[in-house]
Protein backbone atom coordinates (compact mmCIF):
# COMPACT_ATOMS: atom_id res chain seq x y z
CA MET A 1 91.01 182.37 71.48
CA SER A 2 92.92 185.29 72.94
CA ASN A 3 95.00 185.14 76.33
CA LYS A 4 92.49 187.49 77.92
CA LYS A 5 89.51 185.33 77.15
CA ILE A 6 91.37 182.26 78.43
CA ILE A 7 92.29 184.02 81.86
CA THR A 8 88.58 185.32 82.22
CA SER A 9 87.43 181.79 81.50
CA PHE A 10 89.72 180.30 84.11
CA LEU A 11 88.58 182.80 86.60
CA LEU A 12 84.98 182.33 86.03
CA LEU A 13 85.47 178.38 86.50
CA LEU A 14 87.19 179.26 90.00
CA VAL A 15 84.20 181.14 91.09
CA ILE A 16 81.76 178.31 89.94
CA LEU A 17 83.93 175.40 91.51
CA SER A 18 84.30 177.70 94.80
CA SER A 19 80.51 177.99 94.85
CA ILE A 20 79.79 174.34 94.58
CA SER A 21 82.43 173.62 97.26
CA ALA A 22 81.08 176.08 99.65
CA TYR A 23 77.49 174.57 98.94
CA GLY A 24 78.80 171.02 99.66
CA ASN A 25 80.32 172.10 103.03
CA GLN A 26 77.07 173.10 104.32
CA ASN A 27 76.10 169.55 104.84
CA ASN A 28 79.41 167.87 105.59
CA GLY A 29 81.89 168.01 108.35
CA TYR A 30 81.45 170.36 111.22
CA GLY A 31 81.23 174.19 110.84
CA GLN A 32 79.27 177.12 111.62
CA ASN A 33 77.30 176.99 108.43
CA GLN A 34 76.59 173.30 108.68
CA GLY A 35 73.40 171.64 107.41
CA VAL A 36 70.24 172.98 109.18
CA GLN A 37 68.94 169.59 109.95
CA VAL A 38 71.86 169.16 112.58
CA TYR A 39 71.24 172.63 114.08
CA GLN A 40 67.40 173.45 113.62
CA LEU A 41 65.61 172.61 116.66
CA TYR A 42 61.83 172.91 117.43
CA ASP A 43 61.30 176.38 118.54
CA ASP A 44 59.11 176.55 121.48
CA THR A 45 60.08 180.11 122.29
CA GLN A 46 57.07 181.17 120.44
CA VAL A 47 54.81 179.16 122.65
CA ASN A 48 52.92 181.07 125.68
CA HIS A 49 54.26 178.82 128.40
CA GLN A 50 52.67 181.00 131.16
CA GLN A 51 49.19 180.73 129.37
CA GLU A 52 49.62 177.04 129.01
CA ILE A 53 50.62 176.38 132.38
CA SER A 54 47.82 178.73 134.02
CA SER A 55 45.18 176.55 132.17
CA TYR A 56 45.86 173.68 134.51
CA PRO A 57 44.49 173.63 138.01
CA VAL A 58 46.58 174.31 141.04
CA GLU A 59 47.07 171.12 142.93
CA GLU A 60 48.61 170.21 146.20
CA LEU A 61 52.23 169.67 145.92
CA SER A 62 54.02 166.78 147.58
CA PRO A 63 57.61 167.35 149.06
CA GLU A 64 59.11 165.26 146.42
CA GLU A 65 57.42 167.40 143.57
CA ILE A 66 58.82 170.56 145.22
CA ASP A 67 62.15 169.14 145.23
CA GLY A 68 61.98 168.07 141.86
CA LEU A 69 60.92 171.56 140.65
CA LEU A 70 64.05 173.06 142.48
CA LEU A 71 66.39 170.68 140.92
CA MET A 72 64.96 171.05 137.45
CA ARG A 73 64.91 174.74 137.46
CA GLU A 74 68.74 174.81 138.05
CA GLU A 75 69.62 171.48 136.04
CA GLU A 76 67.89 173.39 132.98
CA LYS A 77 70.10 176.53 133.78
CA LEU A 78 73.01 174.17 134.07
CA ALA A 79 72.62 173.03 130.38
CA ARG A 80 72.19 176.57 129.25
CA ASP A 81 75.31 177.92 131.09
CA VAL A 82 77.35 174.93 129.84
CA TYR A 83 76.42 175.39 126.20
CA LEU A 84 77.06 179.24 126.25
CA GLU A 85 80.59 178.28 127.59
CA MET A 86 81.06 175.86 124.80
CA TYR A 87 79.80 178.31 122.27
CA ASP A 88 82.31 180.97 123.53
CA ILE A 89 85.11 178.53 123.34
CA TRP A 90 84.42 176.64 119.92
CA GLY A 91 82.15 179.22 118.28
CA GLN A 92 79.82 176.46 116.96
CA GLN A 93 76.14 177.41 116.29
CA ILE A 94 74.79 174.15 117.76
CA PHE A 95 75.59 175.21 121.10
CA LEU A 96 74.19 178.59 120.99
CA ASN A 97 70.79 177.09 119.40
CA ILE A 98 70.24 174.73 122.10
CA ALA A 99 71.36 177.17 124.97
CA ASN A 100 68.29 179.39 123.74
CA SER A 101 66.10 176.45 123.89
CA GLU A 102 67.39 175.57 127.66
CA SER A 103 66.85 179.08 128.55
CA THR A 104 63.35 178.68 127.56
CA HIS A 105 63.00 175.52 129.51
CA THR A 106 64.36 176.82 132.78
CA ASN A 107 62.01 179.75 132.42
CA ALA A 108 59.15 177.29 131.94
CA VAL A 109 59.96 175.84 135.42
CA LYS A 110 60.33 179.26 136.75
CA LEU A 111 56.58 179.84 135.83
CA LEU A 112 55.80 176.66 137.88
CA LEU A 113 57.74 178.01 140.79
CA ASP A 114 55.84 181.50 140.79
CA LYS A 115 52.58 179.55 140.40
CA TYR A 116 52.95 177.57 143.48
CA ASN A 117 54.62 180.29 145.53
CA LEU A 118 57.89 178.51 145.88
CA THR A 119 61.28 180.16 146.19
CA ASP A 120 63.35 180.31 143.35
CA PRO A 121 66.83 178.63 143.75
CA VAL A 122 68.46 180.75 141.13
CA THR A 123 69.27 183.84 143.12
CA ASN A 124 72.02 184.70 140.79
CA ASP A 125 71.57 183.97 137.16
CA THR A 126 75.31 184.51 136.30
CA ARG A 127 76.67 181.68 134.35
CA GLY A 128 77.97 179.01 136.49
CA ALA A 129 76.27 180.34 139.85
CA PHE A 130 74.09 177.66 141.43
CA THR A 131 72.37 177.01 144.87
CA ASN A 132 72.60 173.27 144.29
CA GLN A 133 76.36 172.46 144.90
CA ASP A 134 76.20 169.26 143.30
CA LEU A 135 75.32 170.96 140.18
CA ALA A 136 78.03 173.62 140.82
CA GLY A 137 80.53 170.97 140.87
CA LEU A 138 79.09 169.36 137.78
CA TYR A 139 79.18 172.56 135.96
CA SER A 140 83.03 172.98 136.41
CA THR A 141 83.60 169.50 135.55
CA LEU A 142 81.69 169.72 132.25
CA VAL A 143 83.25 173.05 131.20
CA GLU A 144 86.61 171.46 131.88
CA LYS A 145 86.06 168.56 129.94
CA GLY A 146 84.48 170.41 127.02
CA SER A 147 87.41 172.83 126.73
CA GLY A 148 89.72 170.01 125.62
CA SER A 149 88.44 169.58 122.10
CA LEU A 150 85.51 170.06 119.82
CA LEU A 151 84.50 166.50 120.06
CA ASP A 152 84.86 166.58 123.82
CA ALA A 153 82.49 169.61 123.96
CA LEU A 154 79.78 167.69 121.86
CA ILE A 155 80.03 164.70 124.03
CA VAL A 156 79.45 167.11 126.98
CA GLY A 157 76.51 168.30 125.19
CA ALA A 158 75.20 164.89 124.95
CA THR A 159 75.75 163.90 128.50
CA VAL A 160 73.88 166.95 129.79
CA GLU A 161 70.94 165.89 127.70
CA ASP A 162 71.29 162.16 128.81
CA LEU A 163 71.27 163.38 132.38
CA ASP A 164 68.23 165.53 131.67
CA ILE A 165 66.12 162.83 130.28
CA ASN A 166 67.03 160.34 133.16
CA ASP A 167 66.06 162.87 135.88
CA LEU A 168 62.91 163.92 134.21
CA LYS A 169 61.63 160.40 133.59
CA LYS A 170 62.37 159.75 137.36
CA LEU A 171 60.51 163.04 138.44
CA ASN A 172 57.61 162.44 136.29
CA GLU A 173 57.20 158.87 137.95
CA ILE A 174 56.47 160.87 141.35
CA SER A 175 54.51 163.62 140.13
CA ASP A 176 51.02 163.66 139.53
CA ASN A 177 50.16 167.43 139.16
CA GLN A 178 48.85 167.99 135.64
CA ASP A 179 50.90 171.22 135.11
CA ILE A 180 54.12 169.66 136.40
CA THR A 181 53.74 166.54 134.15
CA ALA A 182 53.14 168.75 131.06
CA VAL A 183 56.08 170.74 131.58
CA TYR A 184 58.33 167.92 132.18
CA ASN A 185 56.79 166.02 129.15
CA ASN A 186 57.86 169.10 127.20
CA LEU A 187 61.41 169.26 128.55
CA GLU A 188 61.86 165.56 128.11
CA LYS A 189 60.90 165.96 124.52
CA GLY A 190 63.29 168.83 124.22
CA SER A 191 66.16 166.75 125.43
CA ARG A 192 65.53 163.80 123.26
CA ASN A 193 65.83 166.30 120.31
CA HIS A 194 68.95 167.85 121.48
CA LEU A 195 70.53 164.37 122.10
CA ARG A 196 69.74 163.46 118.54
CA SER A 197 71.30 166.52 117.41
CA PHE A 198 74.42 166.21 119.40
CA THR A 199 74.74 162.59 118.58
CA ARG A 200 74.69 163.37 114.74
CA VAL A 201 77.55 165.79 115.18
CA ILE A 202 79.64 163.55 117.23
CA GLU A 203 79.43 160.76 114.64
CA GLN A 204 80.10 163.27 112.01
CA ASN A 205 83.17 164.14 113.76
CA GLY A 206 84.17 160.58 114.10
CA GLY A 207 83.17 160.10 117.64
CA ILE A 208 80.82 157.99 119.46
CA TYR A 209 78.67 158.78 122.50
CA GLU A 210 78.06 156.06 125.06
CA PRO A 211 75.14 156.97 127.45
CA GLY A 212 76.09 157.16 131.05
CA TYR A 213 72.44 157.93 132.60
CA ILE A 214 69.81 156.27 130.38
CA SER A 215 69.99 152.74 129.25
CA GLU A 216 71.87 151.84 125.90
CA SER A 217 68.63 150.49 124.67
CA GLU A 218 66.65 153.70 125.31
CA TYR A 219 69.38 155.95 123.88
CA ASN A 220 69.45 153.68 120.63
CA GLU A 221 65.55 154.06 120.54
CA ILE A 222 65.79 157.77 120.96
CA ILE A 223 68.48 158.46 118.10
CA SER A 224 66.69 156.19 115.70
CA GLY A 225 63.60 158.35 116.05
CA GLU A 226 62.60 161.42 114.22
CA MET A 227 62.83 165.00 115.47
CA GLU A 228 59.48 165.43 117.61
CA THR A 229 57.53 168.65 117.38
CA GLY A 230 54.64 170.02 119.68
CA THR A 231 54.86 171.50 123.10
CA GLY A 232 53.82 168.51 125.23
CA TYR A 233 51.04 170.60 126.80
CA SER A 234 48.19 168.95 124.84
CA ALA A 235 47.66 166.70 121.76
CA ASN A 236 46.48 169.81 119.73
CA SER A 237 49.41 172.14 120.70
CA ALA A 238 51.30 172.11 117.62
CA ALA A 239 48.24 172.84 115.38
CA GLN A 240 47.23 175.76 117.97
CA THR A 241 50.59 177.27 117.70
CA GLY A 242 50.88 176.99 114.06
CA GLN A 243 54.05 175.06 114.26
CA SER A 244 55.27 172.57 111.74
CA ASN A 245 58.05 169.82 111.56
CA PRO A 246 61.18 171.91 110.89
CA TYR A 247 63.05 168.68 110.26
CA GLY A 248 60.84 167.92 107.20
CA GLY A 249 62.62 167.60 103.77
CA ASN A 250 62.97 170.63 101.70
CA ASN A 251 63.81 171.49 98.21
CA SER A 252 66.92 173.70 98.76
CA ASN A 253 69.21 171.08 97.70
CA ASN A 254 67.60 170.60 94.21
CA GLU A 255 67.30 174.24 93.84
CA SER A 256 70.79 174.89 94.54
CA LYS A 257 71.81 172.03 92.15
CA ASN A 258 69.81 173.58 89.19
CA VAL A 259 71.43 177.18 90.02
CA PHE A 260 75.06 175.60 89.62
CA GLU A 261 73.87 173.59 86.41
CA ARG A 262 72.73 176.86 84.86
CA MET A 263 75.89 178.68 85.79
CA TRP A 264 77.97 175.99 84.37
CA GLN A 265 75.87 175.78 81.03
CA GLY A 266 76.21 179.45 80.90
CA PHE A 267 80.05 179.34 81.24
CA MET A 268 80.27 176.67 78.55
CA ASN A 269 78.37 178.74 76.13
CA TRP A 270 80.39 181.99 76.86
CA PHE A 271 83.53 179.82 76.40
CA ARG A 272 82.46 178.58 72.98
């Protein structure tokens, strides 16, 4: 065999091995191109929240329900703002994906405020600006902690979702308006999915998350469950919006494997 053919064969082999390595890294470790099952979230941005919320009757609000709406409007903004900061620092797609979801959630609460003619506490939508000073302080604390390392940032993400779930459960217990309950159910479902996603990536990076707001038993029940779909507005919402479970299995692994097998076989035939 000529030296030219040997060199060409070696270069082709390197290309094939590099492709296999790149594919393998999609589902391992933690990177911007990591497996979609970690990052892919139920996308409720396609749901017409205004139409769904307006389908419920206008009911009298209790002072507790009003306080709850004002809190959740800014608490969902807190989640969005923290994740955007973490994305700017670490450049990991999980933060941007979930920040987009949180933006949808805080806007859903805004629709309820508008429906009941309540004053929006978000007077300045700038990142880190809050009327609720407790949330303003929490924002600074979380951003500072998440700036230490990527693992710290992921734990911050899980902490925010942990807090959201705890607060939403409490608010749901004191709310009886149908539209508020529907929105809170939707937000809590999203937070459970986000918590599952953050937990998976934390564990992939050798860390452990210990819940600080919900109980350990509830946390374990959540992370051991499957990703949830549907909007929470009605039993038929998933079918009505044409949404399917984005966490279902796919055949991409097998398809990629077959491609590499064909590449390798072609290389061996050429080498002979």
